[in-house]
Amino acid sequence: MFILRKILRLILLPVSLLLFLIKWAVELAVRMTSALVGIVILVVGAGVVYYLFTQRWTELFLMVVIGVGVIAVLFVSVVIQESCDTLRKRIKEL
């Protein structure tokens, strides 16, 4: 059983490396675009307030959709990072 685990771990080594590279790439992308994302969220928030007071409902809806999209992309990036960490941890536990 011990030998089979070591062989499985050796087979899963490239998978672990690939998961590390995916996590690293996503983390790098989030860090590099964090200032831009902050500015976009600030502009979207200001646009929502402006369009709410001027009662431009179509533009308000578009701004809300853009804001939700930005937050959804950030959420997906965190989910990818955490799933890569979990899978790498399970590979190490073998």
Protein backbone atom coordinates (compact mmCIF):
# COMPACT_ATOMS: atom_id res chain seq x y z
CA MET A 1 0.00 0.00 0.00
CA PHE A 2 2.85 2.37 0.82
CA ILE A 3 4.44 1.83 -2.57
CA LEU A 4 1.14 2.41 -4.37
CA ARG A 5 0.68 5.72 -2.58
CA LYS A 6 4.16 6.85 -3.57
CA ILE A 7 3.53 5.87 -7.19
CA LEU A 8 0.20 7.72 -7.18
CA ARG A 9 1.87 10.75 -5.64
CA LEU A 10 4.53 10.65 -8.36
CA ILE A 11 1.87 10.42 -11.04
CA LEU A 12 -0.01 13.38 -9.53
CA LEU A 13 3.10 15.57 -9.30
CA PRO A 14 2.46 17.28 -12.68
CA VAL A 15 -1.15 17.91 -11.64
CA SER A 16 0.07 19.55 -8.45
CA LEU A 17 2.48 21.69 -10.45
CA LEU A 18 -0.31 22.70 -12.84
CA LEU A 19 -2.57 23.64 -9.92
CA PHE A 20 0.23 25.74 -8.44
CA LEU A 21 0.74 27.56 -11.74
CA ILE A 22 -2.99 28.23 -12.15
CA LYS A 23 -3.23 29.61 -8.61
CA TRP A 24 -0.12 31.73 -9.15
CA ALA A 25 -1.44 33.14 -12.44
CA VAL A 26 -4.83 34.03 -10.97
CA GLU A 27 -3.25 35.61 -7.90
CA LEU A 28 -0.86 37.63 -10.08
CA ALA A 29 -3.71 38.82 -12.29
CA VAL A 30 -5.77 39.90 -9.28
CA ARG A 31 -2.85 41.76 -7.73
CA MET A 32 -1.93 43.53 -10.96
CA THR A 33 -5.49 44.67 -11.66
CA SER A 34 -6.51 45.50 -8.10
CA ALA A 35 -6.07 49.27 -8.52
CA LEU A 36 -8.04 49.25 -11.77
CA VAL A 37 -10.82 47.16 -10.22
CA GLY A 38 -11.01 49.58 -7.29
CA ILE A 39 -11.38 52.54 -9.63
CA VAL A 40 -14.03 50.72 -11.68
CA ILE A 41 -16.05 49.89 -8.57
CA LEU A 42 -15.76 53.51 -7.41
CA VAL A 43 -16.97 54.82 -10.79
CA VAL A 44 -19.80 52.28 -10.88
CA GLY A 45 -20.88 53.28 -7.36
CA ALA A 46 -20.85 56.97 -8.27
CA GLY A 47 -22.75 56.19 -11.47
CA VAL A 48 -25.39 54.26 -9.57
CA VAL A 49 -25.95 57.17 -7.19
CA TYR A 50 -26.04 59.70 -10.05
CA TYR A 51 -28.43 57.66 -12.20
CA LEU A 52 -30.62 56.96 -9.19
CA PHE A 53 -31.10 60.67 -8.50
CA THR A 54 -31.57 61.60 -12.16
CA GLN A 55 -33.98 58.65 -12.61
CA ARG A 56 -32.23 57.18 -15.64
CA TRP A 57 -33.31 53.60 -15.07
CA THR A 58 -31.67 52.01 -18.11
CA GLU A 59 -28.24 53.41 -17.29
CA LEU A 60 -28.75 52.52 -13.63
CA PHE A 61 -29.48 48.93 -14.61
CA LEU A 62 -26.36 48.81 -16.81
CA MET A 63 -24.18 50.16 -14.00
CA VAL A 64 -25.57 47.62 -11.56
CA VAL A 65 -24.91 44.81 -14.05
CA ILE A 66 -21.32 46.03 -14.56
CA GLY A 67 -20.76 46.21 -10.80
CA VAL A 68 -22.17 42.74 -10.22
CA GLY A 69 -20.02 41.43 -13.07
CA VAL A 70 -16.84 42.86 -11.56
CA ILE A 71 -17.64 41.43 -8.15
CA ALA A 72 -18.53 38.06 -9.72
CA VAL A 73 -15.15 37.93 -11.49
CA LEU A 74 -13.38 38.64 -8.19
CA PHE A 75 -15.43 35.93 -6.48
CA VAL A 76 -14.59 33.39 -9.18
CA SER A 77 -10.88 34.20 -8.87
CA VAL A 78 -11.01 33.53 -5.11
CA VAL A 79 -12.89 30.27 -5.68
CA ILE A 80 -10.25 29.15 -8.20
CA GLN A 81 -7.44 29.98 -5.79
CA GLU A 82 -9.05 28.13 -2.89
CA SER A 83 -9.93 25.07 -4.95
CA CYS A 84 -6.35 24.86 -6.23
CA ASP A 85 -5.09 25.06 -2.64
CA THR A 86 -7.50 22.35 -1.48
CA LEU A 87 -6.61 20.00 -4.32
CA ARG A 88 -2.87 20.49 -3.77
CA LYS A 89 -3.32 19.81 -0.04
CA ARG A 90 -5.16 16.55 -0.80
CA ILE A 91 -2.41 15.48 -3.17
CA LYS A 92 0.20 16.16 -0.48
CA GLU A 93 -1.78 14.10 2.06
CA LEU A 94 -1.50 10.95 -0.06
